[in-house]
Structure formats: C-alpha cells, structure tokens
Amino acid sequence: MSTFRDRPLLAVGVVSALLLLAGCTASPGASSPPTSTTVPSDSRLEEAEPAPPEGTVVATGTVLDESGEVRLCLGAIRESYPPQCDGVALDEWSWDGVDGSEASGETRWGAYAVTGTWDGERFTVTAPPALLALHDPMAPEDPTDGADGASTADELDRVQNDIAGRLGADALAVSTDRGYVWLQVVWDDGTLQDAVDAEYGEDVVIVTSALREID
C-alpha cells in the first residue's frame, strides 16, 4: 500500500526494537501469532489492496497546506510548530470562505470534516468543509456487536506489535481494547479484514476505516 504516511518514522523504529526484545524474552512454550509465512505471499496483510469506495466519503482531520501542497492528516501529527504530517494528498482544496485556520510562515492548517472522493491515492474535495468543532458525525456501528474478544493480553500484544512492525505508517493507529487489536487504516472495503482474519484468526483484529461512506 502506498498511502497513510501519518505516523512518525521514529515510531517504526521503536516498534522494531520492541519486537526484537519480545523475541528475546519469550519463553520456549509461548505461542506467537501467525506471520506472513502462514498465508500465500499475495494474500499477506502488507500486500492487500482494498478497492476504493465508489461513492462520496467524509473524513475528519487536519488540513495542512505547505506552500500550496495540501494534505489531509488522518493519523498522528508530528509535534512541531507549525505541525507536520505526511497525510494523504488533498485535491480541489480552497481556503476561500473557510474559517478556523492558523498560519505560520508558508504553512496554513486547520481541523475540518472534509467531504469528497477517494481513489486509493488522493482525496478530492467535492463540498465545502465543516469546522471539526462543529461537526456532529453519526456514531459508527460496533463491528463486534458489543461482544468482547477471547484473546489474552499477551496474544494481543504480539499481534499488535507484528502488525505495527509490518505496516508501519500504513497503519493510522494500532491499539488493544476489549480483547481485540484495533487497526485503523485510511480505507478498507473488507480486503484488509479478510487478510488479518487469515493471518491471525477471526475475532482477533478489527479493521476500521478513517474514511466513511455517506452515499
């Protein structure tokens, strides 16, 4: 996958170090999550390519304009002033009539709900943005239907570290909660969910999308 570059590069190095430490300290009888060798190479998580959504989507995040190069930051933003992120390319963006922005030098930014289309590489704006502070999104459906997962904390930690180490910045966020590993990406049509189910087993990893279809 070639998008989702929001996470600081430092985080990938930290994850790699954690993986090495985990491998050194695991007991001989400890179980480990499936890795990329357990499925065909063209079905591995890092090779999965979701099809773009056909309709309109909405995303919430920071719009970052550096000398006319505009990006939508959907994940972590580097702590600096002005802020920095790799984000996804944002086309057809205009600051005309848009409130709530800050500026420093040649950089301008603000937090918005942005409506448009996603082709797998670039986000094209098709409607005026809304200030994020005034945006009232519908609560997303719970893909687990409220049921807790059955994986142990050790199993979840190993899976979380494995995913973070392999996807790097393509993962907007990876965390554990309620017995699952939660993986957020820019967009998934079910392809990534199928890939993690094949590698780690069903009801272990829940994939969510930062983009939400609205029609």
C-alpha atoms as a PDB file:
ATOM      1  CA  MET A   1       0.000   0.000   0.000  1.00  0.00           C
ATOM      2  CA  SER A   2       1.276   3.431  -0.825  1.00  0.00           C
ATOM      3  CA  THR A   3      -0.755   5.787   1.336  1.00  0.00           C
ATOM      4  CA  PHE A   4      -1.327   6.568   5.010  1.00  0.00           C
ATOM      5  CA  ARG A   5       2.013   8.116   5.868  1.00  0.00           C
ATOM      6  CA  ASP A   6       0.933   9.934   9.028  1.00  0.00           C
ATOM      7  CA  ARG A   7       2.897   8.094  11.669  1.00  0.00           C
ATOM      8  CA  PRO A   8       6.311   9.478  12.615  1.00  0.00           C
ATOM      9  CA  LEU A   9       9.177   7.362  11.293  1.00  0.00           C
ATOM     10  CA  LEU A  10      10.561   7.128  14.817  1.00  0.00           C
ATOM     11  CA  ALA A  11       7.574   5.039  15.833  1.00  0.00           C
ATOM     12  CA  VAL A  12       8.524   2.317  13.352  1.00  0.00           C
ATOM     13  CA  GLY A  13      11.979   2.059  14.848  1.00  0.00           C
ATOM     14  CA  VAL A  14      10.565   1.827  18.342  1.00  0.00           C
ATOM     15  CA  VAL A  15       8.211  -0.938  17.288  1.00  0.00           C
ATOM     16  CA  SER A  16      11.076  -2.845  15.660  1.00  0.00           C
ATOM     17  CA  ALA A  17      13.057  -2.621  18.894  1.00  0.00           C
ATOM     18  CA  LEU A  18      10.091  -3.892  20.871  1.00  0.00           C
ATOM     19  CA  LEU A  19       9.717  -6.822  18.510  1.00  0.00           C
ATOM     20  CA  LEU A  20      13.358  -7.762  18.967  1.00  0.00           C
ATOM     21  CA  LEU A  21      13.030  -7.584  22.748  1.00  0.00           C
ATOM     22  CA  ALA A  22       9.862  -9.649  22.672  1.00  0.00           C
ATOM     23  CA  GLY A  23      11.626 -12.330  20.650  1.00  0.00           C
ATOM     24  CA  CYS A  24      14.473 -12.471  23.164  1.00  0.00           C
ATOM     25  CA  THR A  25      12.301 -12.708  26.255  1.00  0.00           C
ATOM     26  CA  ALA A  26       9.526 -15.046  25.088  1.00  0.00           C
ATOM     27  CA  SER A  27       9.502 -18.355  26.906  1.00  0.00           C
ATOM     28  CA  PRO A  28      10.093 -21.533  24.825  1.00  0.00           C
ATOM     29  CA  GLY A  29       6.494 -22.619  25.207  1.00  0.00           C
ATOM     30  CA  ALA A  30       4.921 -19.238  24.479  1.00  0.00           C
ATOM     31  CA  SER A  31       2.620 -19.070  21.479  1.00  0.00           C
ATOM     32  CA  SER A  32       3.151 -16.476  18.783  1.00  0.00           C
ATOM     33  CA  PRO A  33       0.757 -15.019  16.242  1.00  0.00           C
ATOM     34  CA  PRO A  34       0.797 -16.237  12.648  1.00  0.00           C
ATOM     35  CA  THR A  35       3.198 -14.303  10.460  1.00  0.00           C
ATOM     36  CA  SER A  36       3.363 -13.563   6.778  1.00  0.00           C
ATOM     37  CA  THR A  37       4.686 -17.099   6.130  1.00  0.00           C
ATOM     38  CA  THR A  38       1.366 -18.705   7.122  1.00  0.00           C
ATOM     39  CA  VAL A  39      -0.548 -17.494   4.043  1.00  0.00           C
ATOM     40  CA  PRO A  40       0.298 -17.189   0.333  1.00  0.00           C
ATOM     41  CA  SER A  41       2.538 -14.225  -0.447  1.00  0.00           C
ATOM     42  CA  ASP A  42      -0.173 -12.489  -2.480  1.00  0.00           C
ATOM     43  CA  SER A  43      -2.573 -12.702   0.478  1.00  0.00           C
ATOM     44  CA  ARG A  44      -0.288 -11.193   3.123  1.00  0.00           C
ATOM     45  CA  LEU A  45      -1.531  -8.205   5.069  1.00  0.00           C
ATOM     46  CA  GLU A  46       1.063  -5.829   3.670  1.00  0.00           C
ATOM     47  CA  GLU A  47       0.166  -6.877   0.102  1.00  0.00           C
ATOM     48  CA  ALA A  48      -3.607  -6.406   0.463  1.00  0.00           C
ATOM     49  CA  GLU A  49      -5.046  -3.660  -1.764  1.00  0.00           C
ATOM     50  CA  PRO A  50      -8.593  -2.523  -0.912  1.00  0.00           C
ATOM     51  CA  ALA A  51     -10.723  -1.263  -3.792  1.00  0.00           C
ATOM     52  CA  PRO A  52     -11.541   2.471  -3.451  1.00  0.00           C
ATOM     53  CA  PRO A  53     -15.071   3.464  -2.422  1.00  0.00           C
ATOM     54  CA  GLU A  54     -17.396   4.124  -5.332  1.00  0.00           C
ATOM     55  CA  GLY A  55     -19.320   6.986  -3.738  1.00  0.00           C
ATOM     56  CA  THR A  56     -18.748  10.033  -1.577  1.00  0.00           C
ATOM     57  CA  VAL A  57     -16.846   9.782   1.687  1.00  0.00           C
ATOM     58  CA  VAL A  58     -16.210  12.070   4.639  1.00  0.00           C
ATOM     59  CA  ALA A  59     -13.020  12.308   6.660  1.00  0.00           C
ATOM     60  CA  THR A  60     -12.085  14.259   9.761  1.00  0.00           C
ATOM     61  CA  GLY A  61      -8.588  15.513  10.395  1.00  0.00           C
ATOM     62  CA  THR A  62      -6.141  18.350   9.986  1.00  0.00           C
ATOM     63  CA  VAL A  63      -5.759  20.002   6.604  1.00  0.00           C
ATOM     64  CA  LEU A  64      -2.120  21.019   6.222  1.00  0.00           C
ATOM     65  CA  ASP A  65      -1.098  23.407   3.446  1.00  0.00           C
ATOM     66  CA  GLU A  66       2.631  23.879   2.977  1.00  0.00           C
ATOM     67  CA  SER A  67       3.307  26.396   0.224  1.00  0.00           C
ATOM     68  CA  GLY A  68       0.351  25.145  -1.803  1.00  0.00           C
ATOM     69  CA  GLU A  69       0.967  21.434  -1.208  1.00  0.00           C
ATOM     70  CA  VAL A  70      -2.174  20.391   0.652  1.00  0.00           C
ATOM     71  CA  ARG A  71      -2.544  17.175   2.630  1.00  0.00           C
ATOM     72  CA  LEU A  72      -5.185  15.705   4.905  1.00  0.00           C
ATOM     73  CA  CYS A  73      -3.705  14.344   8.126  1.00  0.00           C
ATOM     74  CA  LEU A  74      -5.791  11.390   9.274  1.00  0.00           C
ATOM     75  CA  GLY A  75      -3.412   9.905  11.838  1.00  0.00           C
ATOM     76  CA  ALA A  76      -0.707  11.153  14.147  1.00  0.00           C
ATOM     77  CA  ILE A  77       0.696  14.644  13.643  1.00  0.00           C
ATOM     78  CA  ARG A  78       4.309  15.363  14.497  1.00  0.00           C
ATOM     79  CA  GLU A  79       4.769  17.653  17.465  1.00  0.00           C
ATOM     80  CA  SER A  80       6.182  20.815  15.957  1.00  0.00           C
ATOM     81  CA  TYR A  81       5.149  24.352  15.110  1.00  0.00           C
ATOM     82  CA  PRO A  82       3.836  24.516  12.505  1.00  0.00           C
ATOM     83  CA  PRO A  83       2.587  20.911  12.654  1.00  0.00           C
ATOM     84  CA  GLN A  84       3.844  18.290  10.226  1.00  0.00           C
ATOM     85  CA  CYS A  85       2.418  15.124   8.724  1.00  0.00           C
ATOM     86  CA  ASP A  86       2.708  13.126   5.527  1.00  0.00           C
ATOM     87  CA  GLY A  87      -1.031  12.511   5.258  1.00  0.00           C
ATOM     88  CA  VAL A  88      -2.899  11.932   2.011  1.00  0.00           C
ATOM     89  CA  ALA A  89      -2.870  14.290  -0.954  1.00  0.00           C
ATOM     90  CA  LEU A  90      -5.853  16.661  -0.970  1.00  0.00           C
ATOM     91  CA  ASP A  91      -7.066  17.987  -4.325  1.00  0.00           C
ATOM     92  CA  GLU A  92      -9.502  20.841  -5.073  1.00  0.00           C
ATOM     93  CA  TRP A  93      -8.994  22.397  -1.636  1.00  0.00           C
ATOM     94  CA  SER A  94      -9.587  26.131  -1.223  1.00  0.00           C
ATOM     95  CA  TRP A  95      -9.261  28.342   1.842  1.00  0.00           C
ATOM     96  CA  ASP A  96     -11.779  30.824   0.433  1.00  0.00           C
ATOM     97  CA  GLY A  97     -14.552  31.311   2.988  1.00  0.00           C
ATOM     98  CA  VAL A  98     -13.054  28.717   5.342  1.00  0.00           C
ATOM     99  CA  ASP A  99     -12.684  29.784   8.979  1.00  0.00           C
ATOM    100  CA  GLY A 100     -10.737  28.261  11.830  1.00  0.00           C
ATOM    101  CA  SER A 101      -7.261  28.095  10.321  1.00  0.00           C
ATOM    102  CA  GLU A 102      -3.863  29.071  11.709  1.00  0.00           C
ATOM    103  CA  ALA A 103      -0.779  30.125   9.802  1.00  0.00           C
ATOM    104  CA  SER A 104       2.951  30.285  10.325  1.00  0.00           C
ATOM    105  CA  GLY A 105       5.232  31.354   7.503  1.00  0.00           C
ATOM    106  CA  GLU A 106       4.220  29.476   4.342  1.00  0.00           C
ATOM    107  CA  THR A 107       2.180  26.895   6.282  1.00  0.00           C
ATOM    108  CA  ARG A 108      -1.543  27.055   6.990  1.00  0.00           C
ATOM    109  CA  TRP A 109      -3.638  24.459   8.772  1.00  0.00           C
ATOM    110  CA  GLY A 110      -6.937  23.731  10.498  1.00  0.00           C
ATOM    111  CA  ALA A 111      -9.155  20.863  11.681  1.00  0.00           C
ATOM    112  CA  TYR A 112     -12.120  20.045   9.442  1.00  0.00           C
ATOM    113  CA  ALA A 113     -14.592  17.447   8.270  1.00  0.00           C
ATOM    114  CA  VAL A 114     -13.883  17.081   4.565  1.00  0.00           C
ATOM    115  CA  THR A 115     -16.257  15.573   2.006  1.00  0.00           C
ATOM    116  CA  GLY A 116     -15.123  14.136  -1.308  1.00  0.00           C
ATOM    117  CA  THR A 117     -13.958  11.070  -3.176  1.00  0.00           C
ATOM    118  CA  TRP A 118     -11.022   8.729  -2.637  1.00  0.00           C
ATOM    119  CA  ASP A 119      -9.274   6.907  -5.485  1.00  0.00           C
ATOM    120  CA  GLY A 120      -6.865   4.951  -3.313  1.00  0.00           C
ATOM    121  CA  GLU A 121      -4.127   7.569  -3.613  1.00  0.00           C
ATOM    122  CA  ARG A 122      -5.698  11.032  -3.463  1.00  0.00           C
ATOM    123  CA  PHE A 123      -8.688  12.660  -1.790  1.00  0.00           C
ATOM    124  CA  THR A 124     -10.657  15.090  -3.987  1.00  0.00           C
ATOM    125  CA  VAL A 125     -12.849  17.658  -2.216  1.00  0.00           C
ATOM    126  CA  THR A 126     -16.394  17.886  -3.616  1.00  0.00           C
ATOM    127  CA  ALA A 127     -18.176  20.044  -0.993  1.00  0.00           C
ATOM    128  CA  PRO A 128     -17.321  22.890   1.391  1.00  0.00           C
ATOM    129  CA  PRO A 129     -15.565  21.645   4.550  1.00  0.00           C
ATOM    130  CA  ALA A 130     -17.045  21.948   8.023  1.00  0.00           C
ATOM    131  CA  LEU A 131     -15.165  23.064  11.095  1.00  0.00           C
ATOM    132  CA  LEU A 132     -14.350  19.942  13.048  1.00  0.00           C
ATOM    133  CA  ALA A 133     -15.500  21.607  16.266  1.00  0.00           C
ATOM    134  CA  LEU A 134     -18.974  21.987  14.735  1.00  0.00           C
ATOM    135  CA  HIS A 135     -19.124  18.596  13.037  1.00  0.00           C
ATOM    136  CA  ASP A 136     -21.570  16.125  14.571  1.00  0.00           C
ATOM    137  CA  PRO A 137     -20.903  12.741  12.985  1.00  0.00           C
ATOM    138  CA  MET A 138     -23.083   9.693  13.412  1.00  0.00           C
ATOM    139  CA  ALA A 139     -21.650   7.166  15.825  1.00  0.00           C
ATOM    140  CA  PRO A 140     -20.052   4.308  13.860  1.00  0.00           C
ATOM    141  CA  GLU A 141     -21.501   0.844  14.191  1.00  0.00           C
ATOM    142  CA  ASP A 142     -19.664  -1.532  16.502  1.00  0.00           C
ATOM    143  CA  PRO A 143     -18.307  -4.331  14.288  1.00  0.00           C
ATOM    144  CA  THR A 144     -18.143  -6.622  17.325  1.00  0.00           C
ATOM    145  CA  ASP A 145     -21.827  -6.105  18.256  1.00  0.00           C
ATOM    146  CA  GLY A 146     -20.687  -5.393  21.801  1.00  0.00           C
ATOM    147  CA  ALA A 147     -19.044  -8.789  22.340  1.00  0.00           C
ATOM    148  CA  ASP A 148     -15.583  -8.887  23.909  1.00  0.00           C
ATOM    149  CA  GLY A 149     -12.769 -10.815  22.254  1.00  0.00           C
ATOM    150  CA  ALA A 150     -11.303 -14.004  23.708  1.00  0.00           C
ATOM    151  CA  SER A 151      -7.586 -13.359  23.051  1.00  0.00           C
ATOM    152  CA  THR A 152      -5.237 -12.961  26.011  1.00  0.00           C
ATOM    153  CA  ALA A 153      -3.308  -9.770  26.679  1.00  0.00           C
ATOM    154  CA  ASP A 154      -0.032 -11.455  25.661  1.00  0.00           C
ATOM    155  CA  GLU A 155      -1.537 -12.669  22.386  1.00  0.00           C
ATOM    156  CA  LEU A 156      -2.915  -9.224  21.619  1.00  0.00           C
ATOM    157  CA  ASP A 157       0.423  -7.556  22.349  1.00  0.00           C
ATOM    158  CA  ARG A 158       2.235  -9.910  19.966  1.00  0.00           C
ATOM    159  CA  VAL A 159      -0.312  -9.365  17.206  1.00  0.00           C
ATOM    160  CA  GLN A 160      -0.284  -5.580  17.729  1.00  0.00           C
ATOM    161  CA  ASN A 161       3.499  -5.425  17.502  1.00  0.00           C
ATOM    162  CA  ASP A 162       3.551  -7.685  14.453  1.00  0.00           C
ATOM    163  CA  ILE A 163       1.025  -5.515  12.594  1.00  0.00           C
ATOM    164  CA  ALA A 164       2.711  -2.251  13.551  1.00  0.00           C
ATOM    165  CA  GLY A 165       6.103  -3.552  12.500  1.00  0.00           C
ATOM    166  CA  ARG A 166       4.859  -4.787   9.128  1.00  0.00           C
ATOM    167  CA  LEU A 167       2.511  -1.955   8.142  1.00  0.00           C
ATOM    168  CA  GLY A 168       4.452   0.932   9.654  1.00  0.00           C
ATOM    169  CA  ALA A 169       2.890   4.230   8.602  1.00  0.00           C
ATOM    170  CA  ASP A 170       0.178   2.467   6.590  1.00  0.00           C
ATOM    171  CA  ALA A 171      -1.499   1.865   9.942  1.00  0.00           C
ATOM    172  CA  LEU A 172      -3.008   5.103  11.198  1.00  0.00           C
ATOM    173  CA  ALA A 173      -3.427   3.579  14.654  1.00  0.00           C
ATOM    174  CA  VAL A 174      -2.976   0.158  16.252  1.00  0.00           C
ATOM    175  CA  SER A 175      -4.262  -0.442  19.782  1.00  0.00           C
ATOM    176  CA  THR A 176      -5.784  -3.119  22.003  1.00  0.00           C
ATOM    177  CA  ASP A 177      -9.159  -2.903  23.731  1.00  0.00           C
ATOM    178  CA  ARG A 178     -11.916  -5.277  24.858  1.00  0.00           C
ATOM    179  CA  GLY A 179      -9.972  -8.363  23.836  1.00  0.00           C
ATOM    180  CA  TYR A 180      -9.173  -7.220  20.276  1.00  0.00           C
ATOM    181  CA  VAL A 181      -6.446  -5.487  18.328  1.00  0.00           C
ATOM    182  CA  TRP A 182      -7.969  -2.444  16.632  1.00  0.00           C
ATOM    183  CA  LEU A 183      -6.311  -1.410  13.378  1.00  0.00           C
ATOM    184  CA  GLN A 184      -7.318   1.857  11.726  1.00  0.00           C
ATOM    185  CA  VAL A 185      -6.388   2.500   8.110  1.00  0.00           C
ATOM    186  CA  VAL A 186      -7.417   5.153   5.615  1.00  0.00           C
ATOM    187  CA  TRP A 187      -9.886   2.843   3.864  1.00  0.00           C
ATOM    188  CA  ASP A 188     -10.850  -0.826   3.843  1.00  0.00           C
ATOM    189  CA  ASP A 189     -13.543  -2.480   1.764  1.00  0.00           C
ATOM    190  CA  GLY A 190     -13.127  -5.756   3.669  1.00  0.00           C
ATOM    191  CA  THR A 191      -9.905  -6.774   1.946  1.00  0.00           C
ATOM    192  CA  LEU A 192      -7.695  -5.942   4.925  1.00  0.00           C
ATOM    193  CA  GLN A 193     -10.157  -7.532   7.350  1.00  0.00           C
ATOM    194  CA  ASP A 194     -10.014 -10.754   5.344  1.00  0.00           C
ATOM    195  CA  ALA A 195      -6.210 -10.600   5.389  1.00  0.00           C
ATOM    196  CA  VAL A 196      -5.917 -10.227   9.166  1.00  0.00           C
ATOM    197  CA  ASP A 197      -8.519 -12.954   9.695  1.00  0.00           C
ATOM    198  CA  ALA A 198      -6.446 -15.296   7.526  1.00  0.00           C
ATOM    199  CA  GLU A 199      -3.228 -14.494   9.363  1.00  0.00           C
ATOM    200  CA  TYR A 200      -4.325 -14.166  12.976  1.00  0.00           C
ATOM    201  CA  GLY A 201      -7.701 -15.903  13.086  1.00  0.00           C
ATOM    202  CA  GLU A 202     -11.181 -14.442  13.197  1.00  0.00           C
ATOM    203  CA  ASP A 203     -12.248 -12.131  16.032  1.00  0.00           C
ATOM    204  CA  VAL A 204      -8.670 -11.145  16.866  1.00  0.00           C
ATOM    205  CA  VAL A 205      -8.117  -7.978  14.792  1.00  0.00           C
ATOM    206  CA  ILE A 206     -10.807  -5.429  13.961  1.00  0.00           C
ATOM    207  CA  VAL A 207     -10.067  -3.167  10.973  1.00  0.00           C
ATOM    208  CA  THR A 208     -11.722   0.275  10.831  1.00  0.00           C
ATOM    209  CA  SER A 209     -11.571   2.988   8.181  1.00  0.00           C
ATOM    210  CA  ALA A 210     -10.850   6.677   8.711  1.00  0.00           C
ATOM    211  CA  LEU A 211     -12.984   7.421   5.637  1.00  0.00           C
ATOM    212  CA  ARG A 212     -16.722   6.903   5.979  1.00  0.00           C
ATOM    213  CA  GLU A 213     -19.086   6.441   3.069  1.00  0.00           C
ATOM    214  CA  ILE A 214     -22.058   8.796   3.109  1.00  0.00           C
ATOM    215  CA  ASP A 215     -23.870   7.685  -0.059  1.00  0.00           C
END
